Amino acid sequence: MPNTSTLRTLLLALLLVLMSSMANAAPPKEWGFLPLGEAIKIAKRDNKPIFVLFGFEDCPWCSRLYAGAMSDNDLRAQYQSSVVLAYFDTKGGPKSEVFDLPNGVQQTRAGIIQIFAAYPTPSWVFLSPDGTTLGAGRNGKTTAREMRRDLETALAKKSDS
């Protein structure tokens, strides 16, 4: 029977392996996220809301969201058919990098993070094609049910406008 010290070492090693597997927090490829600028063009063309997901490469809470709520295939299908999906990497470039928002205003990466309260991550915002905020959320522990509710709320707001 292994002694307590050996068991602790094994548990620590297991914990490190599990944490390192969560370190790559790229959004799930099967969702089909687009860069923000491309998503805005499509949203305007198709008159669809935009779901902007904010995250960064080594975000452990993003990994938790992706492995949890975003692993639901029905949720993915509902989002893909209802909104244009955009991913915004909050640490993926210089803070001074400039982006065009749906309302035509140019904003730096740092400005976008501030305007949409995109930190801490993961966080998200639903925007109408003209840039009106339809809803937002932030929580790596969010469930598929909660994400579905957020989507339905945003779509109801878009139809009211």
N, C-alpha and C. Protein backbone atom coordinates (compact mmCIF):
# COMPACT_ATOMS: atom_id res chain seq x y z
N MET A 1 0.84 -1.18 0.00
CA MET A 1 0.00 0.00 0.00
C MET A 1 0.89 1.24 0.00
N PRO A 2 0.66 2.19 -0.94
CA PRO A 2 1.49 3.40 -0.99
C PRO A 2 1.29 4.25 0.26
N ASN A 3 2.36 4.94 0.65
CA ASN A 3 2.24 5.80 1.82
C ASN A 3 1.55 7.12 1.46
N THR A 4 1.23 7.91 2.47
CA THR A 4 0.48 9.16 2.29
C THR A 4 1.23 10.12 1.37
N SER A 5 2.52 10.19 1.51
CA SER A 5 3.33 11.10 0.69
C SER A 5 3.24 10.72 -0.79
N THR A 6 3.29 9.43 -1.08
CA THR A 6 3.18 8.96 -2.46
C THR A 6 1.80 9.28 -3.03
N LEU A 7 0.77 9.07 -2.23
CA LEU A 7 -0.60 9.38 -2.68
C LEU A 7 -0.75 10.87 -2.97
N ARG A 8 -0.20 11.70 -2.11
CA ARG A 8 -0.26 13.15 -2.34
C ARG A 8 0.44 13.53 -3.64
N THR A 9 1.58 12.93 -3.87
CA THR A 9 2.34 13.22 -5.09
C THR A 9 1.55 12.80 -6.32
N LEU A 10 0.93 11.63 -6.26
CA LEU A 10 0.12 11.15 -7.38
C LEU A 10 -1.09 12.05 -7.62
N LEU A 11 -1.75 12.47 -6.55
CA LEU A 11 -2.90 13.36 -6.69
C LEU A 11 -2.49 14.71 -7.27
N LEU A 12 -1.36 15.23 -6.83
CA LEU A 12 -0.86 16.50 -7.36
C LEU A 12 -0.53 16.36 -8.85
N ALA A 13 0.11 15.27 -9.22
CA ALA A 13 0.43 15.04 -10.63
C ALA A 13 -0.84 14.94 -11.47
N LEU A 14 -1.84 14.24 -10.97
CA LEU A 14 -3.12 14.12 -11.67
C LEU A 14 -3.78 15.48 -11.83
N LEU A 15 -3.76 16.27 -10.78
CA LEU A 15 -4.34 17.61 -10.82
C LEU A 15 -3.63 18.48 -11.86
N LEU A 16 -2.31 18.41 -11.92
CA LEU A 16 -1.56 19.19 -12.91
C LEU A 16 -1.89 18.76 -14.33
N VAL A 17 -2.02 17.47 -14.55
CA VAL A 17 -2.39 16.97 -15.88
C VAL A 17 -3.77 17.48 -16.27
N LEU A 18 -4.72 17.40 -15.36
CA LEU A 18 -6.07 17.88 -15.64
C LEU A 18 -6.09 19.38 -15.92
N MET A 19 -5.35 20.14 -15.14
CA MET A 19 -5.32 21.59 -15.35
C MET A 19 -4.65 21.94 -16.67
N SER A 20 -3.60 21.23 -17.05
CA SER A 20 -2.93 21.54 -18.30
C SER A 20 -3.80 21.19 -19.49
N SER A 21 -4.67 20.20 -19.36
CA SER A 21 -5.57 19.86 -20.46
C SER A 21 -6.64 20.92 -20.64
N MET A 22 -6.87 21.72 -19.61
CA MET A 22 -7.85 22.80 -19.71
C MET A 22 -7.21 24.10 -20.19
N ALA A 23 -5.90 24.16 -20.29
CA ALA A 23 -5.21 25.42 -20.57
C ALA A 23 -5.52 25.97 -21.96
N ASN A 24 -5.68 25.13 -22.96
CA ASN A 24 -5.98 25.64 -24.29
C ASN A 24 -7.47 25.93 -24.37
N ALA A 25 -7.80 27.20 -24.37
CA ALA A 25 -9.22 27.58 -24.28
C ALA A 25 -9.73 28.19 -25.57
N ALA A 26 -9.34 27.64 -26.70
CA ALA A 26 -9.91 28.09 -27.96
C ALA A 26 -11.37 27.66 -27.99
N PRO A 27 -12.24 28.49 -28.57
CA PRO A 27 -13.66 28.10 -28.60
C PRO A 27 -13.85 26.83 -29.44
N PRO A 28 -14.89 26.08 -29.16
CA PRO A 28 -15.12 24.83 -29.88
C PRO A 28 -15.23 25.06 -31.39
N LYS A 29 -14.40 24.37 -32.17
CA LYS A 29 -14.38 24.55 -33.63
C LYS A 29 -15.74 24.26 -34.27
N GLU A 30 -16.45 23.26 -33.74
CA GLU A 30 -17.72 22.87 -34.36
C GLU A 30 -18.79 23.96 -34.25
N TRP A 31 -18.57 24.95 -33.41
CA TRP A 31 -19.53 26.05 -33.32
C TRP A 31 -19.39 27.00 -34.52
N GLY A 32 -18.22 27.07 -35.11
CA GLY A 32 -18.03 27.92 -36.29
C GLY A 32 -17.92 29.41 -35.99
N PHE A 33 -17.23 29.75 -34.92
CA PHE A 33 -17.06 31.17 -34.58
C PHE A 33 -16.24 31.88 -35.65
N LEU A 34 -16.61 33.12 -35.92
CA LEU A 34 -15.94 33.97 -36.89
C LEU A 34 -15.25 35.12 -36.17
N PRO A 35 -14.26 35.73 -36.83
CA PRO A 35 -13.70 36.97 -36.28
C PRO A 35 -14.81 38.04 -36.23
N LEU A 36 -14.69 38.98 -35.30
CA LEU A 36 -15.73 39.96 -35.08
C LEU A 36 -16.11 40.73 -36.35
N GLY A 37 -15.14 41.22 -37.09
CA GLY A 37 -15.43 42.01 -38.29
C GLY A 37 -16.23 41.23 -39.32
N GLU A 38 -15.85 39.99 -39.54
CA GLU A 38 -16.57 39.14 -40.50
C GLU A 38 -17.99 38.85 -40.02
N ALA A 39 -18.14 38.59 -38.74
CA ALA A 39 -19.47 38.31 -38.17
C ALA A 39 -20.39 39.52 -38.31
N ILE A 40 -19.86 40.71 -38.12
CA ILE A 40 -20.67 41.93 -38.24
C ILE A 40 -21.19 42.09 -39.66
N LYS A 41 -20.33 41.85 -40.65
CA LYS A 41 -20.76 41.97 -42.05
C LYS A 41 -21.90 40.98 -42.36
N ILE A 42 -21.76 39.76 -41.91
CA ILE A 42 -22.79 38.74 -42.16
C ILE A 42 -24.08 39.09 -41.43
N ALA A 43 -23.96 39.55 -40.19
CA ALA A 43 -25.15 39.93 -39.41
C ALA A 43 -25.93 41.04 -40.10
N LYS A 44 -25.22 42.02 -40.63
CA LYS A 44 -25.90 43.12 -41.33
C LYS A 44 -26.56 42.61 -42.61
N ARG A 45 -25.84 41.78 -43.34
CA ARG A 45 -26.37 41.24 -44.60
C ARG A 45 -27.62 40.39 -44.36
N ASP A 46 -27.58 39.55 -43.32
CA ASP A 46 -28.67 38.61 -43.06
C ASP A 46 -29.67 39.11 -42.02
N ASN A 47 -29.43 40.31 -41.48
CA ASN A 47 -30.28 40.89 -40.44
C ASN A 47 -30.47 39.93 -39.26
N LYS A 48 -29.33 39.40 -38.78
CA LYS A 48 -29.34 38.47 -37.64
C LYS A 48 -28.55 39.07 -36.48
N PRO A 49 -28.93 38.74 -35.26
CA PRO A 49 -28.13 39.20 -34.12
C PRO A 49 -26.75 38.54 -34.12
N ILE A 50 -25.85 39.14 -33.37
CA ILE A 50 -24.49 38.62 -33.22
C ILE A 50 -24.31 38.15 -31.78
N PHE A 51 -23.75 36.97 -31.62
CA PHE A 51 -23.34 36.48 -30.30
C PHE A 51 -21.83 36.61 -30.26
N VAL A 52 -21.32 37.53 -29.45
CA VAL A 52 -19.87 37.72 -29.33
C VAL A 52 -19.41 37.06 -28.04
N LEU A 53 -18.55 36.07 -28.19
CA LEU A 53 -17.97 35.37 -27.05
C LEU A 53 -16.57 35.92 -26.81
N PHE A 54 -16.31 36.38 -25.60
CA PHE A 54 -15.01 36.92 -25.22
C PHE A 54 -14.25 35.88 -24.41
N GLY A 55 -13.00 35.65 -24.78
CA GLY A 55 -12.16 34.70 -24.06
C GLY A 55 -10.71 34.93 -24.42
N PHE A 56 -9.86 34.03 -23.97
CA PHE A 56 -8.46 34.07 -24.36
C PHE A 56 -7.88 32.66 -24.25
N GLU A 57 -6.71 32.47 -24.83
CA GLU A 57 -6.16 31.13 -25.02
C GLU A 57 -6.02 30.31 -23.75
N ASP A 58 -5.52 30.87 -22.68
CA ASP A 58 -5.26 30.07 -21.48
C ASP A 58 -6.31 30.28 -20.39
N CYS A 59 -7.52 30.55 -20.77
CA CYS A 59 -8.60 30.86 -19.83
C CYS A 59 -9.22 29.56 -19.30
N PRO A 60 -8.95 29.19 -18.05
CA PRO A 60 -9.50 27.93 -17.53
C PRO A 60 -11.03 27.95 -17.41
N TRP A 61 -11.61 29.09 -17.09
CA TRP A 61 -13.08 29.16 -16.99
C TRP A 61 -13.73 29.05 -18.36
N CYS A 62 -13.03 29.55 -19.39
CA CYS A 62 -13.52 29.38 -20.76
C CYS A 62 -13.55 27.89 -21.10
N SER A 63 -12.49 27.19 -20.76
CA SER A 63 -12.44 25.75 -21.01
C SER A 63 -13.59 25.04 -20.33
N ARG A 64 -13.91 25.47 -19.13
CA ARG A 64 -15.02 24.85 -18.40
C ARG A 64 -16.35 25.09 -19.12
N LEU A 65 -16.55 26.31 -19.61
CA LEU A 65 -17.77 26.62 -20.36
C LEU A 65 -17.85 25.78 -21.63
N TYR A 66 -16.72 25.68 -22.35
CA TYR A 66 -16.71 24.92 -23.61
C TYR A 66 -16.99 23.44 -23.37
N ALA A 67 -16.38 22.88 -22.32
CA ALA A 67 -16.57 21.46 -22.02
C ALA A 67 -17.93 21.17 -21.41
N GLY A 68 -18.53 22.16 -20.81
CA GLY A 68 -19.84 21.99 -20.18
C GLY A 68 -20.97 22.39 -21.10
N ALA A 69 -21.47 23.59 -20.91
CA ALA A 69 -22.65 24.06 -21.65
C ALA A 69 -22.47 23.98 -23.16
N MET A 70 -21.29 24.36 -23.64
CA MET A 70 -21.11 24.44 -25.09
C MET A 70 -20.84 23.09 -25.75
N SER A 71 -20.84 22.02 -24.97
CA SER A 71 -20.73 20.68 -25.57
C SER A 71 -22.10 20.13 -25.94
N ASP A 72 -23.15 20.87 -25.63
CA ASP A 72 -24.53 20.46 -25.92
C ASP A 72 -24.83 20.70 -27.41
N ASN A 73 -25.01 19.63 -28.17
CA ASN A 73 -25.22 19.74 -29.62
C ASN A 73 -26.51 20.46 -29.98
N ASP A 74 -27.56 20.28 -29.20
CA ASP A 74 -28.82 20.98 -29.46
C ASP A 74 -28.66 22.48 -29.25
N LEU A 75 -27.93 22.86 -28.21
CA LEU A 75 -27.67 24.28 -27.96
C LEU A 75 -26.88 24.88 -29.12
N ARG A 76 -25.85 24.15 -29.56
CA ARG A 76 -25.03 24.63 -30.68
C ARG A 76 -25.90 24.85 -31.91
N ALA A 77 -26.76 23.91 -32.23
CA ALA A 77 -27.62 24.03 -33.41
C ALA A 77 -28.56 25.23 -33.28
N GLN A 78 -29.08 25.44 -32.08
CA GLN A 78 -29.98 26.58 -31.86
C GLN A 78 -29.24 27.90 -32.05
N TYR A 79 -28.04 28.01 -31.53
CA TYR A 79 -27.25 29.23 -31.71
C TYR A 79 -26.88 29.43 -33.18
N GLN A 80 -26.42 28.36 -33.83
CA GLN A 80 -25.99 28.48 -35.22
C GLN A 80 -27.12 28.91 -36.14
N SER A 81 -28.34 28.52 -35.84
CA SER A 81 -29.46 28.88 -36.71
C SER A 81 -30.04 30.25 -36.37
N SER A 82 -29.73 30.78 -35.19
CA SER A 82 -30.38 32.01 -34.73
C SER A 82 -29.51 33.25 -34.75
N VAL A 83 -28.21 33.09 -34.62
CA VAL A 83 -27.31 34.24 -34.51
C VAL A 83 -26.05 34.01 -35.34
N VAL A 84 -25.32 35.07 -35.57
CA VAL A 84 -23.99 34.97 -36.17
C VAL A 84 -23.01 34.89 -35.01
N LEU A 85 -22.16 33.89 -35.02
CA LEU A 85 -21.24 33.63 -33.92
C LEU A 85 -19.90 34.33 -34.14
N ALA A 86 -19.48 35.13 -33.17
CA ALA A 86 -18.19 35.82 -33.24
C ALA A 86 -17.38 35.50 -31.99
N TYR A 87 -16.09 35.32 -32.17
CA TYR A 87 -15.19 35.13 -31.03
C TYR A 87 -14.24 36.31 -30.99
N PHE A 88 -14.05 36.87 -29.80
CA PHE A 88 -13.14 38.00 -29.62
C PHE A 88 -12.12 37.61 -28.56
N ASP A 89 -10.88 37.46 -29.00
CA ASP A 89 -9.78 37.08 -28.11
C ASP A 89 -9.33 38.33 -27.37
N THR A 90 -9.57 38.37 -26.07
CA THR A 90 -9.27 39.58 -25.30
C THR A 90 -7.78 39.81 -25.12
N LYS A 91 -6.96 38.79 -25.37
CA LYS A 91 -5.52 38.95 -25.23
C LYS A 91 -4.78 38.60 -26.51
N GLY A 92 -5.49 38.48 -27.62
CA GLY A 92 -4.92 37.98 -28.86
C GLY A 92 -4.24 39.00 -29.74
N GLY A 93 -4.03 40.19 -29.27
CA GLY A 93 -3.38 41.21 -30.08
C GLY A 93 -3.16 42.45 -29.25
N PRO A 94 -2.58 43.45 -29.88
CA PRO A 94 -2.32 44.69 -29.13
C PRO A 94 -3.61 45.36 -28.68
N LYS A 95 -3.58 45.92 -27.48
CA LYS A 95 -4.76 46.61 -26.94
C LYS A 95 -5.16 47.79 -27.82
N SER A 96 -4.21 48.30 -28.63
CA SER A 96 -4.49 49.45 -29.49
C SER A 96 -5.06 49.05 -30.86
N GLU A 97 -5.15 47.74 -31.13
CA GLU A 97 -5.72 47.28 -32.40
C GLU A 97 -7.14 47.81 -32.54
N VAL A 98 -7.50 48.28 -33.74
CA VAL A 98 -8.80 48.93 -33.95
C VAL A 98 -9.76 48.00 -34.69
N PHE A 99 -11.02 48.02 -34.26
CA PHE A 99 -12.09 47.21 -34.85
C PHE A 99 -13.27 48.11 -35.18
N ASP A 100 -14.01 47.74 -36.22
CA ASP A 100 -15.25 48.45 -36.55
C ASP A 100 -16.41 47.74 -35.86
N LEU A 101 -17.20 48.50 -35.11
CA LEU A 101 -18.37 47.95 -34.44
C LEU A 101 -19.58 48.05 -35.37
N PRO A 102 -20.66 47.33 -35.08
CA PRO A 102 -21.84 47.35 -35.96
C PRO A 102 -22.43 48.74 -36.18
N ASN A 103 -22.28 49.63 -35.20
CA ASN A 103 -22.84 50.98 -35.35
C ASN A 103 -21.92 51.91 -36.13
N GLY A 104 -20.82 51.38 -36.68
CA GLY A 104 -19.91 52.17 -37.49
C GLY A 104 -18.79 52.83 -36.72
N VAL A 105 -18.83 52.77 -35.41
CA VAL A 105 -17.79 53.37 -34.58
C VAL A 105 -16.57 52.46 -34.55
N GLN A 106 -15.39 53.06 -34.65
CA GLN A 106 -14.17 52.29 -34.51
C GLN A 106 -13.75 52.29 -33.05
N GLN A 107 -13.24 51.15 -32.60
CA GLN A 107 -12.87 51.03 -31.20
C GLN A 107 -11.65 50.13 -31.09
N THR A 108 -10.78 50.45 -30.14
CA THR A 108 -9.61 49.61 -29.90
C THR A 108 -10.03 48.33 -29.17
N ARG A 109 -9.12 47.37 -29.18
CA ARG A 109 -9.37 46.12 -28.45
C ARG A 109 -9.66 46.45 -26.98
N ALA A 110 -8.84 47.31 -26.38
CA ALA A 110 -9.06 47.69 -24.97
C ALA A 110 -10.42 48.36 -24.80
N GLY A 111 -10.81 49.18 -25.75
CA GLY A 111 -12.10 49.86 -25.68
C GLY A 111 -13.26 48.90 -25.76
N ILE A 112 -13.15 47.90 -26.64
CA ILE A 112 -14.21 46.89 -26.76
C ILE A 112 -14.36 46.11 -25.46
N ILE A 113 -13.23 45.74 -24.88
CA ILE A 113 -13.26 45.01 -23.61
C ILE A 113 -13.96 45.85 -22.54
N GLN A 114 -13.68 47.14 -22.53
CA GLN A 114 -14.29 48.03 -21.54
C GLN A 114 -15.78 48.26 -21.83
N ILE A 115 -16.12 48.57 -23.07
CA ILE A 115 -17.51 48.86 -23.43
C ILE A 115 -18.44 47.70 -23.09
N PHE A 116 -18.00 46.49 -23.41
CA PHE A 116 -18.84 45.31 -23.22
C PHE A 116 -18.56 44.57 -21.91
N ALA A 117 -17.76 45.19 -21.03
CA ALA A 117 -17.42 44.56 -19.74
C ALA A 117 -17.00 43.11 -19.96
N ALA A 118 -16.05 42.93 -20.89
CA ALA A 118 -15.68 41.60 -21.36
C ALA A 118 -14.62 40.92 -20.50
N TYR A 119 -14.39 41.43 -19.33
CA TYR A 119 -13.43 40.80 -18.45
C TYR A 119 -13.99 40.81 -17.05
N PRO A 120 -13.95 39.76 -16.30
CA PRO A 120 -13.25 38.51 -16.57
C PRO A 120 -13.98 37.65 -17.60
N THR A 121 -13.24 36.73 -18.15
CA THR A 121 -13.79 35.84 -19.16
C THR A 121 -14.08 34.48 -18.53
N PRO A 122 -14.94 33.68 -19.15
CA PRO A 122 -15.65 33.99 -20.39
C PRO A 122 -16.79 34.97 -20.12
N SER A 123 -17.05 35.76 -21.13
CA SER A 123 -18.22 36.63 -21.09
C SER A 123 -18.74 36.71 -22.51
N TRP A 124 -19.95 37.22 -22.65
CA TRP A 124 -20.55 37.31 -23.98
C TRP A 124 -21.55 38.43 -24.02
N VAL A 125 -21.83 38.84 -25.24
CA VAL A 125 -22.84 39.87 -25.47
C VAL A 125 -23.60 39.51 -26.74
N PHE A 126 -24.88 39.78 -26.73
CA PHE A 126 -25.71 39.65 -27.92
C PHE A 126 -25.93 41.06 -28.46
N LEU A 127 -25.66 41.25 -29.75
CA LEU A 127 -25.84 42.56 -30.38
C LEU A 127 -26.80 42.44 -31.55
N SER A 128 -27.61 43.46 -31.74
CA SER A 128 -28.43 43.52 -32.96
C SER A 128 -27.49 43.87 -34.11
N PRO A 129 -27.92 43.72 -35.35
CA PRO A 129 -27.06 44.06 -36.48
C PRO A 129 -26.61 45.53 -36.48
N ASP A 130 -27.37 46.41 -35.81
CA ASP A 130 -26.97 47.82 -35.74
C ASP A 130 -26.13 48.14 -34.50
N GLY A 131 -25.87 47.14 -33.65
CA GLY A 131 -25.00 47.32 -32.50
C GLY A 131 -25.70 47.51 -31.17
N THR A 132 -27.01 47.47 -31.14
CA THR A 132 -27.74 47.59 -29.88
C THR A 132 -27.52 46.33 -29.05
N THR A 133 -27.22 46.51 -27.77
CA THR A 133 -27.02 45.36 -26.89
C THR A 133 -28.36 44.71 -26.57
N LEU A 134 -28.45 43.41 -26.83
CA LEU A 134 -29.67 42.64 -26.59
C LEU A 134 -29.59 41.78 -25.34
N GLY A 135 -28.40 41.62 -24.81
CA GLY A 135 -28.20 40.80 -23.62
C GLY A 135 -26.73 40.52 -23.43
N ALA A 136 -26.38 40.02 -22.26
CA ALA A 136 -24.98 39.72 -21.96
C ALA A 136 -24.92 38.72 -20.82
N GLY A 137 -23.78 38.08 -20.67
CA GLY A 137 -23.58 37.14 -19.59
C GLY A 137 -22.11 36.92 -19.32
N ARG A 138 -21.83 36.31 -18.17
CA ARG A 138 -20.45 36.03 -17.81
C ARG A 138 -20.44 34.97 -16.73
N ASN A 139 -19.92 33.79 -17.05
CA ASN A 139 -19.79 32.77 -16.03
C ASN A 139 -19.33 31.47 -16.66
N GLY A 140 -18.19 30.99 -16.26
CA GLY A 140 -17.70 29.71 -16.75
C GLY A 140 -18.54 28.53 -16.30
N LYS A 141 -19.38 28.75 -15.29
CA LYS A 141 -20.24 27.68 -14.77
C LYS A 141 -21.63 27.70 -15.40
N THR A 142 -21.85 28.56 -16.38
CA THR A 142 -23.16 28.66 -17.03
C THR A 142 -23.55 27.32 -17.64
N THR A 143 -24.80 26.97 -17.52
CA THR A 143 -25.30 25.71 -18.07
C THR A 143 -25.88 25.93 -19.47
N ALA A 144 -26.09 24.84 -20.18
CA ALA A 144 -26.73 24.93 -21.50
C ALA A 144 -28.12 25.54 -21.37
N ARG A 145 -28.82 25.19 -20.33
CA ARG A 145 -30.16 25.74 -20.10
C ARG A 145 -30.11 27.27 -19.95
N GLU A 146 -29.13 27.76 -19.20
CA GLU A 146 -28.98 29.21 -19.01
C GLU A 146 -28.58 29.90 -20.32
N MET A 147 -27.71 29.27 -21.09
CA MET A 147 -27.33 29.85 -22.38
C MET A 147 -28.52 29.88 -23.34
N ARG A 148 -29.34 28.86 -23.30
CA ARG A 148 -30.54 28.81 -24.13
C ARG A 148 -31.49 29.94 -23.73
N ARG A 149 -31.67 30.14 -22.43
CA ARG A 149 -32.52 31.22 -21.93
C ARG A 149 -31.97 32.59 -22.36
N ASP A 150 -30.64 32.77 -22.28
CA ASP A 150 -30.03 34.03 -22.71
C ASP A 150 -30.29 34.29 -24.19
N LEU A 151 -30.17 33.24 -25.00
CA LEU A 151 -30.43 33.37 -26.44
C LEU A 151 -31.88 33.76 -26.68
N GLU A 152 -32.80 33.07 -26.05
CA GLU A 152 -34.23 33.36 -26.25
C GLU A 152 -34.58 34.78 -25.82
N THR A 153 -33.99 35.25 -24.73
CA THR A 153 -34.21 36.62 -24.26
C THR A 153 -33.70 37.63 -25.27
N ALA A 154 -32.50 37.39 -25.80
CA ALA A 154 -31.92 38.30 -26.79
C ALA A 154 -32.75 38.32 -28.07
N LEU A 155 -33.21 37.16 -28.52
CA LEU A 155 -34.02 37.11 -29.74
C LEU A 155 -35.36 37.82 -29.54
N ALA A 156 -35.94 37.72 -28.36
CA ALA A 156 -37.19 38.42 -28.07
C ALA A 156 -36.98 39.93 -28.10
N LYS A 157 -35.84 40.39 -27.58
CA LYS A 157 -35.54 41.83 -27.61
C LYS A 157 -35.33 42.32 -29.04
N LYS A 158 -34.69 41.48 -29.88
CA LYS A 158 -34.48 41.89 -31.27
C LYS A 158 -35.81 42.03 -31.99
N SER A 159 -36.73 41.10 -31.75
CA SER A 159 -38.02 41.16 -32.44
C SER A 159 -38.87 42.32 -31.94
N ASP A 160 -38.61 42.80 -30.71
CA ASP A 160 -39.33 43.95 -30.18
C ASP A 160 -38.85 45.26 -30.79
N SER A 161 -37.61 45.26 -31.29
CA SER A 161 -37.06 46.52 -31.81
C SER A 161 -37.38 46.76 -33.26
